[in-house]
Amino acid sequence: MRKICFVITSHIHYARSKLILEELKRDLGTELLIVVGASAILDPHGDVLSLLERDGFPHHAKIHMMLEGGNPIAMAKTTGIGIMEFATAFDNLRPDVVVVRGDRYEVLAAVIAAAYLHIPIAHIEGGDVTGTIDESVRHAITKLAHIHFTTNEAARKRVLAMGEHPKYVFNFGAPELEFVAKNTFQIDNDFINRLGVGDAIDIDEPFLVVMQHPVTSEMGKNRAHIEETLHAVHDLKIPTIWFWPNVDAGSDEISKGIRSFREKYKPEHMRFIKYLPPEEFIALLKKTHCLVGNSSAGIKESSYLGIPVVNIGTRQNNRLRGNNVLDVPHNRNKIKKAIQKQLAHGLYKKDMLYCQKDTSKNIVRTLKKVTLYTQKVFHDRK
């Protein structure tokens, strides 16, 4: 029986991997191990341990690694702590393969630990391009990983260009879109207005969702950037659900900007919440009239749902996107005009850029049967 260890370091990782975990749990030919760490075990950022318990998943190790500070040195030191803690967890669990996803520094820590312990690594979402340090982290993970599950054909070609062997590079699509397609959860005003602080929002009427995270390569500018978005949305007077930023360097800048704005302007049409569990978030996204900010949810989940998106700044630079996305700089007037244009347009046609059939089943089938190896060799393309 193959022991497959899944690493979860944020609530969004859990949401985007949930169907894969369910497939592994049902499969009698595999033993599922779950390691949870970083912001995934911090209640303000989405307590994944509670979600796992609710959904019937065990966890086999808990990784405490996050340093406060919201700055690059905290990220660097957190990565170092993570390497030590993940190394201990993997040494105790002895998995046959470690599965990670994405491009975050917490994931890089897990991958470095697994690589030095000679444990094969499977990476979901390699080969994408973005506009920050996350792209370098993503490609570093690709070079340490042994098995690659890209989410689109352009990404698959990039992974091959990095010298990975074609027999270990698979494009099965994005598992999060399969999750979106199968999610039937319904959300209402009573539920959403019990969360967070601010004005009550009627989600049966047109409303915005704002998800704007810090850009780690633009330290010192993140507060000014979020203030441009705050003024644009405030001027429009459209009901808005605003999510707090993630834990990347620069998060303190954004949080301070939001708090100062709230104290000064006391906006009556905004509600600020920390996070939503996976099913509830997709239910809210389906009702949203426009998503504003720089979240990958605007690039992937929203493309499949046809949700109009105003993507701000450089965080998602060069990432494959659908016709539902309008790109704007950090300028309140341009943000405002783009939101108005998207609201006037309404829903877009569903985009299948990241979507394929049976994504989770194909990933699990491959994890079970693929030949595992530890010594990597650069594969020259002919």
Protein backbone atom coordinates (compact mmCIF):
# COMPACT_ATOMS: atom_id res chain seq x y z
CA MET A 1 0.00 0.00 0.00
CA ARG A 2 1.45 3.36 -1.06
CA LYS A 3 1.63 6.01 1.69
CA ILE A 4 0.71 9.38 0.20
CA CYS A 5 1.37 12.43 2.37
CA PHE A 6 -0.59 15.58 1.52
CA VAL A 7 0.72 18.92 2.78
CA ILE A 8 -1.78 21.70 3.57
CA THR A 9 -0.44 25.13 4.54
CA SER A 10 -3.47 27.41 4.01
CA HIS A 11 -7.25 27.21 3.90
CA ILE A 12 -7.20 27.87 0.15
CA HIS A 13 -4.92 24.84 -0.32
CA TYR A 14 -7.48 22.72 1.48
CA ALA A 15 -10.34 24.07 -0.64
CA ARG A 16 -8.47 23.47 -3.88
CA SER A 17 -7.37 19.97 -2.90
CA LYS A 18 -10.47 18.65 -1.16
CA LEU A 19 -11.68 16.38 -3.96
CA ILE A 20 -8.22 14.82 -4.28
CA LEU A 21 -8.24 14.11 -0.55
CA GLU A 22 -11.68 12.52 -0.83
CA GLU A 23 -10.47 10.29 -3.67
CA LEU A 24 -7.42 9.22 -1.66
CA LYS A 25 -9.53 8.56 1.42
CA ARG A 26 -11.86 6.27 -0.54
CA ASP A 27 -9.06 4.41 -2.29
CA LEU A 28 -8.27 1.12 -0.57
CA GLY A 29 -4.89 0.91 -2.29
CA THR A 30 -3.46 4.00 -0.63
CA GLU A 31 -2.85 5.27 2.89
CA LEU A 32 -3.58 8.99 3.16
CA LEU A 33 -1.41 11.02 5.52
CA ILE A 34 -2.20 14.70 6.08
CA VAL A 35 0.30 17.24 7.41
CA VAL A 36 -1.14 20.65 8.30
CA GLY A 37 0.94 23.71 9.02
CA ALA A 38 1.62 27.45 8.69
CA SER A 39 -1.48 29.67 8.44
CA ALA A 40 -3.72 26.61 8.04
CA ILE A 41 -3.58 26.07 11.81
CA LEU A 42 -4.08 29.74 12.73
CA ASP A 43 -7.69 30.58 13.53
CA PRO A 44 -7.65 34.15 12.10
CA HIS A 45 -6.59 32.80 8.70
CA GLY A 46 -8.82 29.72 8.48
CA ASP A 47 -8.56 26.90 11.00
CA VAL A 48 -8.14 23.95 8.61
CA LEU A 49 -7.90 21.48 11.50
CA SER A 50 -11.55 22.17 12.34
CA LEU A 51 -12.55 21.79 8.69
CA LEU A 52 -10.70 18.46 8.46
CA GLU A 53 -12.51 17.21 11.53
CA ARG A 54 -15.85 18.39 10.13
CA ASP A 55 -15.21 16.61 6.84
CA GLY A 56 -13.96 13.38 8.39
CA PHE A 57 -10.25 13.66 7.60
CA PRO A 58 -7.55 12.88 10.16
CA HIS A 59 -4.34 14.85 10.44
CA HIS A 60 -1.07 13.13 11.21
CA ALA A 61 1.21 16.06 11.99
CA LYS A 62 0.79 19.74 12.87
CA ILE A 63 3.56 22.14 11.86
CA HIS A 64 4.06 25.33 13.91
CA MET A 65 6.29 27.57 11.82
CA MET A 66 4.80 31.06 11.36
CA LEU A 67 6.69 34.09 12.63
CA GLU A 68 4.76 37.32 12.96
CA GLY A 69 5.97 40.47 11.33
CA GLY A 70 4.45 40.64 7.87
CA ASN A 71 7.84 41.35 6.30
CA PRO A 72 10.43 39.54 4.14
CA ILE A 73 12.68 38.52 7.05
CA ALA A 74 9.70 36.88 8.79
CA MET A 75 8.96 34.96 5.58
CA ALA A 76 12.59 33.86 5.23
CA LYS A 77 12.86 32.74 8.87
CA THR A 78 9.47 31.02 8.70
CA THR A 79 10.76 29.02 5.74
CA GLY A 80 13.79 27.95 7.77
CA ILE A 81 11.68 26.87 10.73
CA GLY A 82 9.38 25.02 8.36
CA ILE A 83 12.25 23.01 6.87
CA MET A 84 13.19 21.74 10.33
CA GLU A 85 9.62 20.96 11.38
CA PHE A 86 8.60 19.28 8.12
CA ALA A 87 11.80 17.21 8.20
CA THR A 88 10.81 15.86 11.62
CA ALA A 89 7.26 15.12 10.50
CA PHE A 90 8.34 13.31 7.31
CA ASP A 91 11.00 11.34 9.19
CA ASN A 92 8.34 10.14 11.63
CA LEU A 93 5.67 9.37 9.01
CA ARG A 94 7.94 7.81 6.36
CA PRO A 95 5.66 8.51 3.37
CA ASP A 96 6.31 7.04 -0.08
CA VAL A 97 5.48 10.37 -1.75
CA VAL A 98 4.79 13.92 -0.55
CA VAL A 99 2.17 15.96 -2.42
CA VAL A 100 2.25 19.77 -2.44
CA ARG A 101 0.62 22.48 -4.48
CA GLY A 102 1.31 26.05 -5.51
CA ASP A 103 4.08 28.56 -5.04
CA ARG A 104 4.26 29.65 -1.43
CA TYR A 105 7.26 29.83 0.86
CA GLU A 106 5.65 27.43 3.36
CA VAL A 107 5.38 24.84 0.57
CA LEU A 108 9.00 25.39 -0.41
CA ALA A 109 9.99 24.52 3.17
CA ALA A 110 8.13 21.18 2.95
CA VAL A 111 9.69 20.41 -0.44
CA ILE A 112 13.25 21.11 0.70
CA ALA A 113 12.76 18.85 3.71
CA ALA A 114 11.32 16.02 1.60
CA ALA A 115 14.05 16.34 -1.03
CA TYR A 116 16.86 15.97 1.52
CA LEU A 117 15.10 12.96 3.03
CA HIS A 118 15.01 11.38 -0.44
CA ILE A 119 11.21 11.28 -0.54
CA PRO A 120 9.63 11.64 -4.01
CA ILE A 121 7.63 14.85 -4.39
CA ALA A 122 4.51 15.45 -6.48
CA HIS A 123 3.73 19.08 -7.31
CA ILE A 124 0.33 20.42 -8.37
CA GLU A 125 0.19 23.71 -10.31
CA GLY A 126 3.77 23.94 -11.57
CA GLY A 127 4.69 25.90 -14.67
CA ASP A 128 2.41 28.89 -14.13
CA VAL A 129 3.87 32.37 -14.35
CA THR A 130 3.05 35.33 -12.10
CA GLY A 131 4.56 38.67 -11.23
CA THR A 132 6.23 38.24 -7.83
CA ILE A 133 8.74 36.18 -5.84
CA ASP A 134 6.09 33.44 -5.89
CA GLU A 135 7.04 32.63 -9.47
CA SER A 136 10.64 31.92 -8.46
CA VAL A 137 9.39 29.76 -5.59
CA ARG A 138 7.05 27.86 -7.91
CA HIS A 139 9.86 27.07 -10.37
CA ALA A 140 12.19 26.08 -7.52
CA ILE A 141 9.57 23.60 -6.32
CA THR A 142 9.30 22.24 -9.86
CA LYS A 143 13.04 21.55 -9.97
CA LEU A 144 12.89 19.73 -6.64
CA ALA A 145 9.73 17.77 -7.50
CA HIS A 146 9.63 14.42 -9.30
CA ILE A 147 6.01 14.24 -10.50
CA HIS A 148 4.20 17.23 -11.97
CA PHE A 149 0.46 17.90 -12.27
CA THR A 150 0.06 21.13 -14.25
CA THR A 151 -3.31 22.81 -14.68
CA ASN A 152 -3.01 23.93 -18.30
CA GLU A 153 -1.09 23.10 -21.45
CA ALA A 154 1.07 26.24 -21.45
CA ALA A 155 2.26 25.38 -17.94
CA ARG A 156 3.02 21.79 -18.99
CA LYS A 157 5.27 23.07 -21.77
CA ARG A 158 7.15 25.31 -19.35
CA VAL A 159 7.79 22.42 -16.98
CA LEU A 160 9.17 20.41 -19.88
CA ALA A 161 11.35 23.38 -20.85
CA MET A 162 12.85 23.25 -17.34
CA GLY A 163 14.27 19.82 -18.08
CA GLU A 164 11.60 17.59 -16.53
CA HIS A 165 10.98 14.20 -18.13
CA PRO A 166 7.75 14.05 -20.17
CA LYS A 167 6.70 10.73 -18.60
CA TYR A 168 6.36 12.53 -15.25
CA VAL A 169 4.55 15.67 -16.44
CA PHE A 170 0.74 15.47 -16.58
CA ASN A 171 -1.87 18.09 -17.50
CA PHE A 172 -5.10 17.02 -15.82
CA GLY A 173 -6.52 20.51 -15.28
CA ALA A 174 -7.15 22.40 -12.05
CA PRO A 175 -8.79 20.37 -9.26
CA GLU A 176 -10.33 23.53 -7.80
CA LEU A 177 -12.54 23.91 -10.87
CA GLU A 178 -13.83 20.40 -10.43
CA PHE A 179 -14.64 21.41 -6.85
CA VAL A 180 -16.46 24.52 -8.09
CA ALA A 181 -18.47 22.49 -10.58
CA LYS A 182 -19.61 19.99 -7.94
CA ASN A 183 -20.31 22.45 -5.12
CA THR A 184 -24.02 22.91 -4.39
CA PHE A 185 -23.80 24.84 -1.11
CA GLN A 186 -26.25 27.73 -0.78
CA ILE A 187 -25.38 30.90 1.15
CA ASP A 188 -27.75 33.55 2.49
CA ASN A 189 -27.74 36.95 4.15
CA ASP A 190 -28.08 35.59 7.69
CA PHE A 191 -24.95 33.49 7.27
CA ILE A 192 -22.70 36.13 5.70
CA ASN A 193 -23.78 38.94 8.04
CA ARG A 194 -22.93 36.91 11.14
CA LEU A 195 -19.29 37.08 10.07
CA GLY A 196 -16.78 39.89 10.33
CA VAL A 197 -17.52 43.56 10.97
CA GLY A 198 -19.14 46.42 9.10
CA ASP A 199 -22.41 47.04 7.35
CA ALA A 200 -24.92 44.29 6.63
CA ILE A 201 -24.80 43.28 2.96
CA ASP A 202 -27.75 42.01 0.94
CA ILE A 203 -26.21 39.34 -1.29
CA ASP A 204 -29.47 38.95 -3.20
CA GLU A 205 -28.74 42.37 -4.71
CA PRO A 206 -25.66 43.38 -6.79
CA PHE A 207 -22.49 43.36 -4.68
CA LEU A 208 -18.71 43.26 -5.04
CA VAL A 209 -16.13 40.97 -3.48
CA VAL A 210 -12.66 42.41 -2.89
CA MET A 211 -9.65 40.14 -2.36
CA GLN A 212 -6.39 42.08 -2.48
CA HIS A 213 -3.22 40.52 -1.06
CA PRO A 214 0.23 42.08 -0.58
CA VAL A 215 2.88 41.89 -3.28
CA THR A 216 6.07 40.88 -1.50
CA SER A 217 8.32 42.48 -4.11
CA GLU A 218 6.57 45.83 -3.58
CA MET A 219 7.18 46.30 0.14
CA GLY A 220 6.45 49.82 1.29
CA LYS A 221 3.87 50.33 -1.46
CA ASN A 222 1.15 47.92 -0.37
CA ARG A 223 -0.65 50.41 1.88
CA ALA A 224 -0.81 53.01 -0.88
CA HIS A 225 -2.06 50.33 -3.27
CA ILE A 226 -4.88 49.18 -0.99
CA GLU A 227 -5.91 52.79 -0.37
CA GLU A 228 -6.45 53.28 -4.11
CA THR A 229 -8.80 50.30 -4.15
CA LEU A 230 -10.57 51.42 -0.97
CA HIS A 231 -11.28 54.88 -2.40
CA ALA A 232 -12.47 53.45 -5.73
CA VAL A 233 -14.95 51.09 -4.07
CA HIS A 234 -16.03 53.69 -1.53
CA ASP A 235 -16.77 56.22 -4.28
CA LEU A 236 -18.99 53.74 -6.12
CA LYS A 237 -21.16 53.11 -3.03
CA ILE A 238 -21.78 49.51 -4.13
CA PRO A 239 -22.33 46.92 -1.35
CA THR A 240 -19.02 45.10 -0.87
CA ILE A 241 -17.69 42.08 1.00
CA TRP A 242 -14.00 42.68 1.65
CA PHE A 243 -11.65 39.86 2.63
CA TRP A 244 -8.61 40.52 4.80
CA PRO A 245 -5.20 39.85 3.19
CA ASN A 246 -3.19 36.64 3.48
CA VAL A 247 -0.08 36.30 5.67
CA ASP A 248 2.55 37.26 3.06
CA ALA A 249 5.07 40.01 3.69
CA GLY A 250 3.23 43.29 3.34
CA SER A 251 0.04 42.07 5.01
CA ASP A 252 0.52 44.50 7.90
CA GLU A 253 0.65 47.40 5.44
CA ILE A 254 -2.67 46.37 3.92
CA SER A 255 -4.33 45.67 7.28
CA LYS A 256 -3.29 49.07 8.64
CA GLY A 257 -4.57 50.74 5.49
CA ILE A 258 -7.97 49.06 5.83
CA ARG A 259 -8.28 49.85 9.55
CA SER A 260 -7.33 53.51 9.08
CA PHE A 261 -9.78 53.87 6.20
CA ARG A 262 -12.60 52.33 8.24
CA GLU A 263 -11.94 54.65 11.18
CA LYS A 264 -11.78 57.75 9.00
CA TYR A 265 -14.61 57.14 6.52
CA LYS A 266 -16.85 54.67 8.38
CA PRO A 267 -18.09 53.13 5.10
CA GLU A 268 -21.71 52.04 5.36
CA HIS A 269 -21.72 49.67 2.39
CA MET A 270 -18.73 47.45 3.24
CA ARG A 271 -18.39 44.30 5.33
CA PHE A 272 -14.94 42.98 6.24
CA ILE A 273 -14.43 39.27 6.92
CA LYS A 274 -11.38 37.07 7.52
CA TYR A 275 -12.17 34.03 5.39
CA LEU A 276 -14.85 31.52 4.41
CA PRO A 277 -14.69 27.71 4.37
CA PRO A 278 -14.41 26.15 0.87
CA GLU A 279 -18.06 25.42 0.10
CA GLU A 280 -19.27 28.72 1.50
CA PHE A 281 -16.70 30.73 -0.44
CA ILE A 282 -17.68 29.18 -3.78
CA ALA A 283 -21.36 29.76 -2.98
CA LEU A 284 -20.59 33.44 -2.36
CA LEU A 285 -18.45 33.72 -5.49
CA LYS A 286 -21.31 32.36 -7.60
CA LYS A 287 -23.53 35.23 -6.44
CA THR A 288 -20.88 37.94 -6.84
CA HIS A 289 -21.40 40.55 -9.56
CA CYS A 290 -17.69 41.45 -9.77
CA LEU A 291 -14.50 40.27 -8.05
CA VAL A 292 -11.93 43.01 -7.45
CA GLY A 293 -8.29 42.70 -6.35
CA ASN A 294 -5.41 40.37 -7.18
CA SER A 295 -6.48 36.91 -6.04
CA SER A 296 -5.95 33.82 -8.19
CA ALA A 297 -9.65 33.12 -7.56
CA GLY A 298 -10.27 35.83 -10.13
CA ILE A 299 -8.10 34.04 -12.65
CA LYS A 300 -9.21 30.44 -12.14
CA GLU A 301 -12.50 29.92 -10.30
CA SER A 302 -14.04 33.11 -11.73
CA SER A 303 -13.07 32.18 -15.30
CA TYR A 304 -15.05 28.95 -15.01
CA LEU A 305 -18.03 30.71 -13.42
CA GLY A 306 -17.89 33.66 -15.83
CA ILE A 307 -17.65 36.15 -12.96
CA PRO A 308 -16.43 39.61 -14.12
CA VAL A 309 -13.04 40.41 -12.57
CA VAL A 310 -11.02 43.59 -12.13
CA ASN A 311 -7.44 42.43 -11.58
CA ILE A 312 -5.26 45.09 -9.97
CA GLY A 313 -1.48 45.40 -10.18
CA THR A 314 1.28 42.87 -10.83
CA ARG A 315 0.51 39.90 -8.56
CA GLN A 316 -1.07 37.85 -11.36
CA ASN A 317 1.13 39.15 -14.19
CA ASN A 318 1.34 36.83 -17.22
CA ARG A 319 -0.88 34.13 -15.73
CA LEU A 320 -3.17 32.48 -18.27
CA ARG A 321 -6.56 34.20 -18.01
CA GLY A 322 -9.98 34.30 -19.64
CA ASN A 323 -11.95 37.11 -21.23
CA ASN A 324 -13.64 37.83 -17.88
CA VAL A 325 -10.56 39.68 -16.55
CA LEU A 326 -9.82 43.40 -16.93
CA ASP A 327 -6.30 44.39 -15.82
CA VAL A 328 -5.72 47.80 -14.25
CA PRO A 329 -2.92 49.53 -12.32
CA HIS A 330 -3.20 50.83 -8.76
CA ASN A 331 -5.17 53.92 -9.75
CA ARG A 332 -8.53 54.64 -8.13
CA ASN A 333 -10.08 56.21 -11.24
CA LYS A 334 -9.06 53.33 -13.50
CA ILE A 335 -10.20 50.79 -10.91
CA LYS A 336 -13.55 52.56 -10.63
CA LYS A 337 -14.08 52.69 -14.38
CA ALA A 338 -13.14 49.03 -14.76
CA ILE A 339 -15.63 47.99 -12.06
CA GLN A 340 -18.38 50.00 -13.75
CA LYS A 341 -17.54 48.42 -17.09
CA GLN A 342 -17.61 44.90 -15.65
CA LEU A 343 -20.90 45.49 -13.84
CA ALA A 344 -22.43 46.75 -17.06
CA HIS A 345 -21.17 43.70 -18.92
CA GLY A 346 -22.49 41.12 -16.47
CA LEU A 347 -21.65 37.42 -16.59
CA TYR A 348 -19.18 36.13 -19.18
CA LYS A 349 -19.31 32.84 -21.03
CA LYS A 350 -17.85 29.97 -19.02
CA ASP A 351 -14.14 29.52 -19.80
CA MET A 352 -12.54 26.06 -19.85
CA LEU A 353 -8.87 27.15 -19.81
CA TYR A 354 -8.15 25.29 -16.58
CA CYS A 355 -10.92 22.72 -16.64
CA GLN A 356 -10.72 19.02 -17.54
CA LYS A 357 -12.85 15.98 -16.75
CA ASP A 358 -12.01 13.72 -13.77
CA THR A 359 -9.07 15.84 -12.62
CA SER A 360 -8.92 14.44 -9.09
CA LYS A 361 -9.39 10.83 -10.14
CA ASN A 362 -6.61 11.14 -12.72
CA ILE A 363 -4.23 12.65 -10.17
CA VAL A 364 -4.93 9.92 -7.62
CA ARG A 365 -4.67 7.18 -10.24
CA THR A 366 -1.27 8.51 -11.24
CA LEU A 367 -0.06 8.87 -7.65
CA LYS A 368 -0.92 5.21 -7.09
CA LYS A 369 0.70 3.75 -10.18
CA VAL A 370 3.53 6.02 -11.31
CA THR A 371 7.04 4.67 -10.83
CA LEU A 372 8.66 6.54 -7.95
CA TYR A 373 12.28 7.70 -8.07
CA THR A 374 14.52 10.04 -6.09
CA GLN A 375 17.54 10.89 -8.26
CA LYS A 376 16.60 13.64 -10.69
CA VAL A 377 18.30 14.02 -14.06
CA PHE A 378 17.92 17.00 -16.40
CA HIS A 379 16.05 15.83 -19.48
CA ASP A 380 17.40 17.59 -22.57
CA ARG A 381 14.73 18.30 -25.14
CA LYS A 382 15.49 17.15 -28.67
